[in-house]
């Protein structure tokens, strides 16, 4: 997901006036460690999937955020 994709998503869903952070967390996204725990893999695997473009993500600063709705790439191979 690019910044452009995120902007289009926000505008097309009428979310421009909605908060994006709650309790210090980006709403609708999980961090690499949260994604790893949810998908049952290590953080290094999440990073590999991100760099292989197998997992949608947004980068803010030097932090990767994965949409909460993301499924493990392993699920598509089963």
C-alpha atoms as a PDB file:
ATOM      1  CA  UNK A   1       0.000   0.000   0.000  1.00  0.00           C
ATOM      2  CA  UNK A   2       1.386   3.369  -0.968  1.00  0.00           C
ATOM      3  CA  UNK A   3       0.607   6.712   0.663  1.00  0.00           C
ATOM      4  CA  UNK A   4      -1.510   7.473  -2.399  1.00  0.00           C
ATOM      5  CA  UNK A   5      -3.494   4.262  -1.812  1.00  0.00           C
ATOM      6  CA  UNK A   6      -4.003   5.224   1.817  1.00  0.00           C
ATOM      7  CA  UNK A   7      -5.214   8.725   0.877  1.00  0.00           C
ATOM      8  CA  UNK A   8      -7.616   7.319  -1.709  1.00  0.00           C
ATOM      9  CA  UNK A   9      -8.909   4.796   0.854  1.00  0.00           C
ATOM     10  CA  UNK A  10      -9.453   7.565   3.410  1.00  0.00           C
ATOM     11  CA  UNK A  11     -11.255   9.844   0.962  1.00  0.00           C
ATOM     12  CA  UNK A  12     -13.362   7.143  -0.703  1.00  0.00           C
ATOM     13  CA  UNK A  13     -14.570   5.896   2.687  1.00  0.00           C
ATOM     14  CA  UNK A  14     -15.316   9.314   4.169  1.00  0.00           C
ATOM     15  CA  UNK A  15     -12.688   8.947   6.862  1.00  0.00           C
ATOM     16  CA  UNK A  16     -11.001  12.335   6.503  1.00  0.00           C
ATOM     17  CA  UNK A  17     -12.406  13.599   9.822  1.00  0.00           C
ATOM     18  CA  UNK A  18     -11.855  10.378  11.759  1.00  0.00           C
ATOM     19  CA  UNK A  19      -9.054   9.938  14.295  1.00  0.00           C
ATOM     20  CA  UNK A  20      -6.139   7.847  13.091  1.00  0.00           C
ATOM     21  CA  UNK A  21      -4.499   7.187  16.458  1.00  0.00           C
ATOM     22  CA  UNK A  22      -6.082   5.802  19.609  1.00  0.00           C
ATOM     23  CA  UNK A  23      -4.143   5.084  22.796  1.00  0.00           C
ATOM     24  CA  UNK A  24      -0.899   5.654  20.898  1.00  0.00           C
ATOM     25  CA  UNK A  25      -1.725   3.048  18.216  1.00  0.00           C
ATOM     26  CA  UNK A  26      -2.512   3.558  14.541  1.00  0.00           C
ATOM     27  CA  UNK A  27      -6.162   2.510  14.164  1.00  0.00           C
ATOM     28  CA  UNK A  28      -6.706  -0.366  11.740  1.00  0.00           C
ATOM     29  CA  UNK A  29      -3.052  -1.388  11.600  1.00  0.00           C
ATOM     30  CA  UNK A  30      -0.762  -3.665  13.561  1.00  0.00           C
ATOM     31  CA  UNK A  31       2.954  -3.508  14.147  1.00  0.00           C
ATOM     32  CA  UNK A  32       5.392  -6.155  12.928  1.00  0.00           C
ATOM     33  CA  UNK A  33       5.451  -7.876  16.329  1.00  0.00           C
ATOM     34  CA  UNK A  34       1.648  -7.890  16.522  1.00  0.00           C
ATOM     35  CA  UNK A  35       1.392  -9.289  12.974  1.00  0.00           C
ATOM     36  CA  UNK A  36       3.952 -11.979  13.797  1.00  0.00           C
ATOM     37  CA  UNK A  37       1.999 -13.058  16.883  1.00  0.00           C
ATOM     38  CA  UNK A  38      -1.318 -13.069  15.022  1.00  0.00           C
ATOM     39  CA  UNK A  39       0.079 -15.033  12.055  1.00  0.00           C
ATOM     40  CA  UNK A  40       2.102 -17.453  14.176  1.00  0.00           C
ATOM     41  CA  UNK A  41       5.492 -16.601  12.667  1.00  0.00           C
ATOM     42  CA  UNK A  42       8.574 -14.669  13.733  1.00  0.00           C
ATOM     43  CA  UNK A  43       9.125 -10.969  13.160  1.00  0.00           C
ATOM     44  CA  UNK A  44      11.866 -11.781  10.633  1.00  0.00           C
ATOM     45  CA  UNK A  45       9.298 -13.660   8.536  1.00  0.00           C
ATOM     46  CA  UNK A  46       7.003 -10.634   8.543  1.00  0.00           C
ATOM     47  CA  UNK A  47       9.911  -8.471   7.353  1.00  0.00           C
ATOM     48  CA  UNK A  48      10.704 -10.948   4.555  1.00  0.00           C
ATOM     49  CA  UNK A  49       7.067 -10.962   3.438  1.00  0.00           C
ATOM     50  CA  UNK A  50       7.040  -7.159   3.439  1.00  0.00           C
ATOM     51  CA  UNK A  51      10.222  -6.952   1.358  1.00  0.00           C
ATOM     52  CA  UNK A  52       8.854  -9.593  -1.034  1.00  0.00           C
ATOM     53  CA  UNK A  53       5.619  -7.562  -1.364  1.00  0.00           C
ATOM     54  CA  UNK A  54       3.614 -10.520  -0.076  1.00  0.00           C
ATOM     55  CA  UNK A  55       2.096  -8.439   2.718  1.00  0.00           C
ATOM     56  CA  UNK A  56       0.410  -5.048   2.376  1.00  0.00           C
ATOM     57  CA  UNK A  57       1.958  -2.427   4.587  1.00  0.00           C
ATOM     58  CA  UNK A  58       2.489   1.258   5.232  1.00  0.00           C
ATOM     59  CA  UNK A  59       5.786   2.750   6.356  1.00  0.00           C
ATOM     60  CA  UNK A  60       5.764   5.738   8.671  1.00  0.00           C
ATOM     61  CA  UNK A  61       9.252   6.880   9.562  1.00  0.00           C
ATOM     62  CA  UNK A  62      11.109   3.607  10.010  1.00  0.00           C
ATOM     63  CA  UNK A  63       8.124   1.632  11.318  1.00  0.00           C
ATOM     64  CA  UNK A  64       6.105  -0.826   9.245  1.00  0.00           C
ATOM     65  CA  UNK A  65       2.354  -1.096   9.819  1.00  0.00           C
ATOM     66  CA  UNK A  66       0.272  -3.965   8.447  1.00  0.00           C
ATOM     67  CA  UNK A  67      -3.498  -3.641   7.956  1.00  0.00           C
ATOM     68  CA  UNK A  68      -5.399  -5.593  10.604  1.00  0.00           C
ATOM     69  CA  UNK A  69      -7.396  -7.304   7.859  1.00  0.00           C
ATOM     70  CA  UNK A  70      -4.218  -8.851   6.386  1.00  0.00           C
ATOM     71  CA  UNK A  71      -4.046 -12.614   6.105  1.00  0.00           C
ATOM     72  CA  UNK A  72      -0.873 -14.649   6.348  1.00  0.00           C
ATOM     73  CA  UNK A  73       0.631 -15.457   2.936  1.00  0.00           C
ATOM     74  CA  UNK A  74       0.808 -19.033   4.266  1.00  0.00           C
ATOM     75  CA  UNK A  75      -2.995 -19.229   4.200  1.00  0.00           C
ATOM     76  CA  UNK A  76      -3.023 -18.834   0.413  1.00  0.00           C
ATOM     77  CA  UNK A  77      -0.603 -21.752  -0.019  1.00  0.00           C
ATOM     78  CA  UNK A  78      -2.658 -24.249   1.976  1.00  0.00           C
END
